[in-house]
Amino acid sequence: MRKHLVPVIAEPTAADLAAIESEWPLIAAELDVLDAEITLIYAEDHGGPTVLDWRRLRRAESRVTRAAADLATGTAGPRRAA
């Protein structure tokens, strides 16, 4: 027996979009960690990661920690570079 899938027509609500917006700094920070990890993986084929590659990963991980803490305390928001 085959069941038919019902297409989803509903769009995200304003609350859904607000939740994504408030979590975006953490999402962006996690993407930075992923990018740094990919760089480390590819560096293995080219003589190994450099000191700067490792520093980039540590800084990205630090941004994730700060963004998660900000989100948990309710102080999440866009950070401006000083």
PDB file of N, CA and C in Angstrom:
ATOM      1  N   MET A   1       0.821  -1.162   0.000  1.00  0.00           N
ATOM      2  CA  MET A   1       0.000   0.000   0.000  1.00  0.00           C
ATOM      3  C   MET A   1       0.881   1.247   0.000  1.00  0.00           C
ATOM      4  N   ARG A   2       0.528   2.177  -0.805  1.00  0.00           N
ATOM      5  CA  ARG A   2       1.318   3.393  -0.918  1.00  0.00           C
ATOM      6  C   ARG A   2       0.585   4.564  -0.292  1.00  0.00           C
ATOM      7  N   LYS A   3       1.290   5.283   0.556  1.00  0.00           N
ATOM      8  CA  LYS A   3       0.691   6.456   1.180  1.00  0.00           C
ATOM      9  C   LYS A   3       1.149   7.693   0.421  1.00  0.00           C
ATOM     10  N   HIS A   4       0.238   8.603   0.233  1.00  0.00           N
ATOM     11  CA  HIS A   4       0.567   9.835  -0.464  1.00  0.00           C
ATOM     12  C   HIS A   4       1.031  10.880   0.541  1.00  0.00           C
ATOM     13  N   LEU A   5       2.078  11.558   0.161  1.00  0.00           N
ATOM     14  CA  LEU A   5       2.590  12.620   1.016  1.00  0.00           C
ATOM     15  C   LEU A   5       1.809  13.900   0.761  1.00  0.00           C
ATOM     16  N   VAL A   6       1.533  14.583   1.822  1.00  0.00           N
ATOM     17  CA  VAL A   6       0.805  15.844   1.719  1.00  0.00           C
ATOM     18  C   VAL A   6       1.836  16.969   1.664  1.00  0.00           C
ATOM     19  N   PRO A   7       1.754  17.828   0.658  1.00  0.00           N
ATOM     20  CA  PRO A   7       2.735  18.911   0.582  1.00  0.00           C
ATOM     21  C   PRO A   7       2.563  19.898   1.749  1.00  0.00           C
ATOM     22  N   VAL A   8       3.677  20.369   2.246  1.00  0.00           N
ATOM     23  CA  VAL A   8       3.657  21.333   3.336  1.00  0.00           C
ATOM     24  C   VAL A   8       3.562  22.730   2.721  1.00  0.00           C
ATOM     25  N   ILE A   9       2.516  23.427   3.057  1.00  0.00           N
ATOM     26  CA  ILE A   9       2.281  24.744   2.490  1.00  0.00           C
ATOM     27  C   ILE A   9       2.587  25.833   3.513  1.00  0.00           C
ATOM     28  N   ALA A  10       2.561  25.482   4.775  1.00  0.00           N
ATOM     29  CA  ALA A  10       2.741  26.470   5.845  1.00  0.00           C
ATOM     30  C   ALA A  10       4.147  27.054   5.800  1.00  0.00           C
ATOM     31  N   GLU A  11       4.221  28.345   5.955  1.00  0.00           N
ATOM     32  CA  GLU A  11       5.505  29.030   6.015  1.00  0.00           C
ATOM     33  C   GLU A  11       5.863  29.267   7.476  1.00  0.00           C
ATOM     34  N   PRO A  12       7.127  29.581   7.742  1.00  0.00           N
ATOM     35  CA  PRO A  12       7.509  29.831   9.130  1.00  0.00           C
ATOM     36  C   PRO A  12       6.739  31.022   9.699  1.00  0.00           C
ATOM     37  N   THR A  13       6.379  30.891  10.939  1.00  0.00           N
ATOM     38  CA  THR A  13       5.666  31.982  11.608  1.00  0.00           C
ATOM     39  C   THR A  13       6.669  33.059  12.023  1.00  0.00           C
ATOM     40  N   ALA A  14       6.147  34.174  12.457  1.00  0.00           N
ATOM     41  CA  ALA A  14       7.014  35.250  12.947  1.00  0.00           C
ATOM     42  C   ALA A  14       7.823  34.772  14.156  1.00  0.00           C
ATOM     43  N   ALA A  15       7.212  33.936  14.985  1.00  0.00           N
ATOM     44  CA  ALA A  15       7.921  33.399  16.153  1.00  0.00           C
ATOM     45  C   ALA A  15       9.062  32.477  15.717  1.00  0.00           C
ATOM     46  N   ASP A  16       8.815  31.665  14.688  1.00  0.00           N
ATOM     47  CA  ASP A  16       9.870  30.794  14.169  1.00  0.00           C
ATOM     48  C   ASP A  16      11.045  31.613  13.645  1.00  0.00           C
ATOM     49  N   LEU A  17      10.745  32.639  12.882  1.00  0.00           N
ATOM     50  CA  LEU A  17      11.795  33.486  12.323  1.00  0.00           C
ATOM     51  C   LEU A  17      12.547  34.245  13.420  1.00  0.00           C
ATOM     52  N   ALA A  18      11.838  34.667  14.457  1.00  0.00           N
ATOM     53  CA  ALA A  18      12.485  35.355  15.571  1.00  0.00           C
ATOM     54  C   ALA A  18      13.421  34.405  16.321  1.00  0.00           C
ATOM     55  N   ALA A  19      13.008  33.158  16.465  1.00  0.00           N
ATOM     56  CA  ALA A  19      13.856  32.171  17.143  1.00  0.00           C
ATOM     57  C   ALA A  19      15.125  31.922  16.337  1.00  0.00           C
ATOM     58  N   ILE A  20      14.997  31.801  15.027  1.00  0.00           N
ATOM     59  CA  ILE A  20      16.168  31.604  14.174  1.00  0.00           C
ATOM     60  C   ILE A  20      17.083  32.811  14.263  1.00  0.00           C
ATOM     61  N   GLU A  21      16.500  33.997  14.231  1.00  0.00           N
ATOM     62  CA  GLU A  21      17.287  35.235  14.311  1.00  0.00           C
ATOM     63  C   GLU A  21      18.062  35.314  15.621  1.00  0.00           C
ATOM     64  N   SER A  22      17.422  34.916  16.719  1.00  0.00           N
ATOM     65  CA  SER A  22      18.109  34.988  18.010  1.00  0.00           C
ATOM     66  C   SER A  22      19.213  33.939  18.132  1.00  0.00           C
ATOM     67  N   GLU A  23      19.078  32.819  17.426  1.00  0.00           N
ATOM     68  CA  GLU A  23      20.078  31.760  17.469  1.00  0.00           C
ATOM     69  C   GLU A  23      21.148  31.919  16.392  1.00  0.00           C
ATOM     70  N   TRP A  24      20.981  32.906  15.505  1.00  0.00           N
ATOM     71  CA  TRP A  24      21.900  33.020  14.378  1.00  0.00           C
ATOM     72  C   TRP A  24      23.356  33.215  14.788  1.00  0.00           C
ATOM     73  N   PRO A  25      23.699  34.011  15.795  1.00  0.00           N
ATOM     74  CA  PRO A  25      25.122  34.126  16.169  1.00  0.00           C
ATOM     75  C   PRO A  25      25.748  32.764  16.518  1.00  0.00           C
ATOM     76  N   LEU A  26      25.004  31.911  17.180  1.00  0.00           N
ATOM     77  CA  LEU A  26      25.519  30.583  17.510  1.00  0.00           C
ATOM     78  C   LEU A  26      25.660  29.735  16.252  1.00  0.00           C
ATOM     79  N   ILE A  27      24.697  29.800  15.365  1.00  0.00           N
ATOM     80  CA  ILE A  27      24.756  29.042  14.116  1.00  0.00           C
ATOM     81  C   ILE A  27      25.975  29.478  13.305  1.00  0.00           C
ATOM     82  N   ALA A  28      26.183  30.775  13.188  1.00  0.00           N
ATOM     83  CA  ALA A  28      27.323  31.299  12.426  1.00  0.00           C
ATOM     84  C   ALA A  28      28.644  30.876  13.060  1.00  0.00           C
ATOM     85  N   ALA A  29      28.712  30.906  14.389  1.00  0.00           N
ATOM     86  CA  ALA A  29      29.934  30.493  15.077  1.00  0.00           C
ATOM     87  C   ALA A  29      30.210  29.011  14.852  1.00  0.00           C
ATOM     88  N   GLU A  30      29.177  28.182  14.871  1.00  0.00           N
ATOM     89  CA  GLU A  30      29.358  26.753  14.623  1.00  0.00           C
ATOM     90  C   GLU A  30      29.806  26.497  13.190  1.00  0.00           C
ATOM     91  N   LEU A  31      29.315  27.297  12.249  1.00  0.00           N
ATOM     92  CA  LEU A  31      29.768  27.167  10.859  1.00  0.00           C
ATOM     93  C   LEU A  31      31.240  27.551  10.732  1.00  0.00           C
ATOM     94  N   ASP A  32      31.686  28.534  11.513  1.00  0.00           N
ATOM     95  CA  ASP A  32      33.102  28.909  11.516  1.00  0.00           C
ATOM     96  C   ASP A  32      33.970  27.759  12.037  1.00  0.00           C
ATOM     97  N   VAL A  33      33.503  27.063  13.064  1.00  0.00           N
ATOM     98  CA  VAL A  33      34.243  25.906  13.583  1.00  0.00           C
ATOM     99  C   VAL A  33      34.321  24.823  12.509  1.00  0.00           C
ATOM    100  N   LEU A  34      33.217  24.562  11.857  1.00  0.00           N
ATOM    101  CA  LEU A  34      33.202  23.548  10.803  1.00  0.00           C
ATOM    102  C   LEU A  34      34.181  23.912   9.691  1.00  0.00           C
ATOM    103  N   ASP A  35      34.190  25.169   9.296  1.00  0.00           N
ATOM    104  CA  ASP A  35      35.100  25.617   8.246  1.00  0.00           C
ATOM    105  C   ASP A  35      36.555  25.454   8.684  1.00  0.00           C
ATOM    106  N   ALA A  36      36.855  25.790   9.928  1.00  0.00           N
ATOM    107  CA  ALA A  36      38.224  25.634  10.440  1.00  0.00           C
ATOM    108  C   ALA A  36      38.617  24.161  10.498  1.00  0.00           C
ATOM    109  N   GLU A  37      37.682  23.296  10.881  1.00  0.00           N
ATOM    110  CA  GLU A  37      37.981  21.855  10.927  1.00  0.00           C
ATOM    111  C   GLU A  37      38.227  21.299   9.524  1.00  0.00           C
ATOM    112  N   ILE A  38      37.465  21.754   8.555  1.00  0.00           N
ATOM    113  CA  ILE A  38      37.676  21.312   7.182  1.00  0.00           C
ATOM    114  C   ILE A  38      39.046  21.759   6.691  1.00  0.00           C
ATOM    115  N   THR A  39      39.430  22.974   7.048  1.00  0.00           N
ATOM    116  CA  THR A  39      40.754  23.470   6.675  1.00  0.00           C
ATOM    117  C   THR A  39      41.847  22.590   7.266  1.00  0.00           C
ATOM    118  N   LEU A  40      41.668  22.160   8.515  1.00  0.00           N
ATOM    119  CA  LEU A  40      42.652  21.277   9.138  1.00  0.00           C
ATOM    120  C   LEU A  40      42.738  19.931   8.426  1.00  0.00           C
ATOM    121  N   ILE A  41      41.597  19.416   8.017  1.00  0.00           N
ATOM    122  CA  ILE A  41      41.583  18.125   7.318  1.00  0.00           C
ATOM    123  C   ILE A  41      42.327  18.236   5.993  1.00  0.00           C
ATOM    124  N   TYR A  42      42.045  19.293   5.240  1.00  0.00           N
ATOM    125  CA  TYR A  42      42.720  19.470   3.956  1.00  0.00           C
ATOM    126  C   TYR A  42      44.199  19.783   4.129  1.00  0.00           C
ATOM    127  N   ALA A  43      44.564  20.403   5.233  1.00  0.00           N
ATOM    128  CA  ALA A  43      45.965  20.745   5.472  1.00  0.00           C
ATOM    129  C   ALA A  43      46.828  19.495   5.634  1.00  0.00           C
ATOM    130  N   GLU A  44      46.231  18.403   6.072  1.00  0.00           N
ATOM    131  CA  GLU A  44      46.976  17.156   6.231  1.00  0.00           C
ATOM    132  C   GLU A  44      47.592  16.711   4.917  1.00  0.00           C
ATOM    133  N   ASP A  45      46.937  17.020   3.803  1.00  0.00           N
ATOM    134  CA  ASP A  45      47.444  16.629   2.484  1.00  0.00           C
ATOM    135  C   ASP A  45      48.522  17.581   1.975  1.00  0.00           C
ATOM    136  N   HIS A  46      48.728  18.697   2.656  1.00  0.00           N
ATOM    137  CA  HIS A  46      49.664  19.712   2.188  1.00  0.00           C
ATOM    138  C   HIS A  46      50.706  20.053   3.247  1.00  0.00           C
ATOM    139  N   GLY A  47      51.199  19.046   3.930  1.00  0.00           N
ATOM    140  CA  GLY A  47      52.262  19.266   4.901  1.00  0.00           C
ATOM    141  C   GLY A  47      51.800  19.470   6.330  1.00  0.00           C
ATOM    142  N   GLY A  48      50.532  19.394   6.565  1.00  0.00           N
ATOM    143  CA  GLY A  48      50.016  19.526   7.926  1.00  0.00           C
ATOM    144  C   GLY A  48      49.537  20.925   8.230  1.00  0.00           C
ATOM    145  N   PRO A  49      48.688  21.040   9.254  1.00  0.00           N
ATOM    146  CA  PRO A  49      48.139  22.341   9.620  1.00  0.00           C
ATOM    147  C   PRO A  49      49.220  23.265  10.180  1.00  0.00           C
ATOM    148  N   THR A  50      49.038  24.544   9.944  1.00  0.00           N
ATOM    149  CA  THR A  50      49.976  25.542  10.454  1.00  0.00           C
ATOM    150  C   THR A  50      49.502  26.020  11.823  1.00  0.00           C
ATOM    151  N   VAL A  51      50.346  26.805  12.455  1.00  0.00           N
ATOM    152  CA  VAL A  51      49.991  27.405  13.739  1.00  0.00           C
ATOM    153  C   VAL A  51      48.751  28.283  13.565  1.00  0.00           C
ATOM    154  N   LEU A  52      48.678  28.979  12.440  1.00  0.00           N
ATOM    155  CA  LEU A  52      47.520  29.839  12.190  1.00  0.00           C
ATOM    156  C   LEU A  52      46.229  29.033  12.008  1.00  0.00           C
ATOM    157  N   ASP A  53      46.345  27.851  11.405  1.00  0.00           N
ATOM    158  CA  ASP A  53      45.166  26.988  11.265  1.00  0.00           C
ATOM    159  C   ASP A  53      44.621  26.595  12.632  1.00  0.00           C
ATOM    160  N   TRP A  54      45.526  26.217  13.546  1.00  0.00           N
ATOM    161  CA  TRP A  54      45.088  25.826  14.889  1.00  0.00           C
ATOM    162  C   TRP A  54      44.523  27.018  15.648  1.00  0.00           C
ATOM    163  N   ARG A  55      45.130  28.201  15.463  1.00  0.00           N
ATOM    164  CA  ARG A  55      44.632  29.397  16.127  1.00  0.00           C
ATOM    165  C   ARG A  55      43.226  29.730  15.625  1.00  0.00           C
ATOM    166  N   ARG A  56      43.014  29.577  14.328  1.00  0.00           N
ATOM    167  CA  ARG A  56      41.693  29.839  13.749  1.00  0.00           C
ATOM    168  C   ARG A  56      40.641  28.920  14.370  1.00  0.00           C
ATOM    169  N   LEU A  57      40.990  27.649  14.562  1.00  0.00           N
ATOM    170  CA  LEU A  57      40.057  26.709  15.183  1.00  0.00           C
ATOM    171  C   LEU A  57      39.767  27.107  16.629  1.00  0.00           C
ATOM    172  N   ARG A  58      40.804  27.444  17.399  1.00  0.00           N
ATOM    173  CA  ARG A  58      40.598  27.828  18.797  1.00  0.00           C
ATOM    174  C   ARG A  58      39.721  29.074  18.903  1.00  0.00           C
ATOM    175  N   ARG A  59      39.957  30.037  18.048  1.00  0.00           N
ATOM    176  CA  ARG A  59      39.139  31.252  18.083  1.00  0.00           C
ATOM    177  C   ARG A  59      37.697  30.962  17.701  1.00  0.00           C
ATOM    178  N   ALA A  60      37.499  30.100  16.724  1.00  0.00           N
ATOM    179  CA  ALA A  60      36.140  29.741  16.324  1.00  0.00           C
ATOM    180  C   ALA A  60      35.427  29.012  17.461  1.00  0.00           C
ATOM    181  N   GLU A  61      36.138  28.109  18.134  1.00  0.00           N
ATOM    182  CA  GLU A  61      35.538  27.406  19.272  1.00  0.00           C
ATOM    183  C   GLU A  61      35.207  28.385  20.400  1.00  0.00           C
ATOM    184  N   SER A  62      36.042  29.367  20.589  1.00  0.00           N
ATOM    185  CA  SER A  62      35.782  30.385  21.609  1.00  0.00           C
ATOM    186  C   SER A  62      34.525  31.183  21.265  1.00  0.00           C
ATOM    187  N   ARG A  63      34.345  31.506  19.979  1.00  0.00           N
ATOM    188  CA  ARG A  63      33.134  32.223  19.558  1.00  0.00           C
ATOM    189  C   ARG A  63      31.885  31.388  19.813  1.00  0.00           C
ATOM    190  N   VAL A  64      31.979  30.069  19.610  1.00  0.00           N
ATOM    191  CA  VAL A  64      30.836  29.192  19.886  1.00  0.00           C
ATOM    192  C   VAL A  64      30.495  29.238  21.369  1.00  0.00           C
ATOM    193  N   THR A  65      31.511  29.172  22.212  1.00  0.00           N
ATOM    194  CA  THR A  65      31.282  29.210  23.658  1.00  0.00           C
ATOM    195  C   THR A  65      30.615  30.517  24.074  1.00  0.00           C
ATOM    196  N   ARG A  66      31.139  31.646  23.553  1.00  0.00           N
ATOM    197  CA  ARG A  66      30.548  32.946  23.890  1.00  0.00           C
ATOM    198  C   ARG A  66      29.113  33.055  23.381  1.00  0.00           C
ATOM    199  N   ALA A  67      28.875  32.612  22.145  1.00  0.00           N
ATOM    200  CA  ALA A  67      27.531  32.714  21.570  1.00  0.00           C
ATOM    201  C   ALA A  67      26.551  31.833  22.339  1.00  0.00           C
ATOM    202  N   ALA A  68      26.973  30.629  22.736  1.00  0.00           N
ATOM    203  CA  ALA A  68      26.097  29.741  23.501  1.00  0.00           C
ATOM    204  C   ALA A  68      25.801  30.335  24.873  1.00  0.00           C
ATOM    205  N   ALA A  69      26.802  30.933  25.500  1.00  0.00           N
ATOM    206  CA  ALA A  69      26.587  31.558  26.808  1.00  0.00           C
ATOM    207  C   ALA A  69      25.644  32.746  26.682  1.00  0.00           C
ATOM    208  N   ASP A  70      25.837  33.556  25.645  1.00  0.00           N
ATOM    209  CA  ASP A  70      24.944  34.697  25.421  1.00  0.00           C
ATOM    210  C   ASP A  70      23.509  34.230  25.188  1.00  0.00           C
ATOM    211  N   LEU A  71      23.355  33.181  24.411  1.00  0.00           N
ATOM    212  CA  LEU A  71      22.018  32.653  24.131  1.00  0.00           C
ATOM    213  C   LEU A  71      21.377  32.101  25.407  1.00  0.00           C
ATOM    214  N   ALA A  72      22.164  31.424  26.230  1.00  0.00           N
ATOM    215  CA  ALA A  72      21.635  30.841  27.465  1.00  0.00           C
ATOM    216  C   ALA A  72      21.228  31.908  28.479  1.00  0.00           C
ATOM    217  N   THR A  73      21.954  33.021  28.505  1.00  0.00           N
ATOM    218  CA  THR A  73      21.638  34.073  29.463  1.00  0.00           C
ATOM    219  C   THR A  73      20.650  35.090  28.917  1.00  0.00           C
ATOM    220  N   GLY A  74      20.316  34.947  27.659  1.00  0.00           N
ATOM    221  CA  GLY A  74      19.345  35.857  27.061  1.00  0.00           C
ATOM    222  C   GLY A  74      19.941  37.165  26.596  1.00  0.00           C
ATOM    223  N   THR A  75      21.254  37.234  26.505  1.00  0.00           N
ATOM    224  CA  THR A  75      21.899  38.458  26.042  1.00  0.00           C
ATOM    225  C   THR A  75      22.377  38.334  24.610  1.00  0.00           C
ATOM    226  N   ALA A  76      21.857  37.345  23.885  1.00  0.00           N
ATOM    227  CA  ALA A  76      22.279  37.126  22.508  1.00  0.00           C
ATOM    228  C   ALA A  76      21.879  38.302  21.637  1.00  0.00           C
ATOM    229  N   GLY A  77      22.741  38.604  20.744  1.00  0.00           N
ATOM    230  CA  GLY A  77      22.491  39.691  19.810  1.00  0.00           C
ATOM    231  C   GLY A  77      23.708  39.862  18.943  1.00  0.00           C
ATOM    232  N   PRO A  78      23.594  40.663  17.922  1.00  0.00           N
ATOM    233  CA  PRO A  78      24.753  40.831  17.051  1.00  0.00           C
ATOM    234  C   PRO A  78      25.894  41.519  17.782  1.00  0.00           C
ATOM    235  N   ARG A  79      27.080  40.977  17.621  1.00  0.00           N
ATOM    236  CA  ARG A  79      28.270  41.560  18.220  1.00  0.00           C
ATOM    237  C   ARG A  79      28.935  42.465  17.193  1.00  0.00           C
ATOM    238  N   ARG A  80      29.425  43.571  17.656  1.00  0.00           N
ATOM    239  CA  ARG A  80      30.146  44.469  16.777  1.00  0.00           C
ATOM    240  C   ARG A  80      31.619  44.372  17.078  1.00  0.00           C
ATOM    241  N   ALA A  81      32.408  44.393  16.019  1.00  0.00           N
ATOM    242  CA  ALA A  81      33.854  44.343  16.208  1.00  0.00           C
ATOM    243  C   ALA A  81      34.334  45.662  16.809  1.00  0.00           C
ATOM    244  N   ALA A  82      35.234  45.556  17.768  1.00  0.00           N
ATOM    245  CA  ALA A  82      35.737  46.768  18.421  1.00  0.00           C
ATOM    246  C   ALA A  82      36.899  47.361  17.661  1.00  0.00           C
TER     247      ALA A  82
END
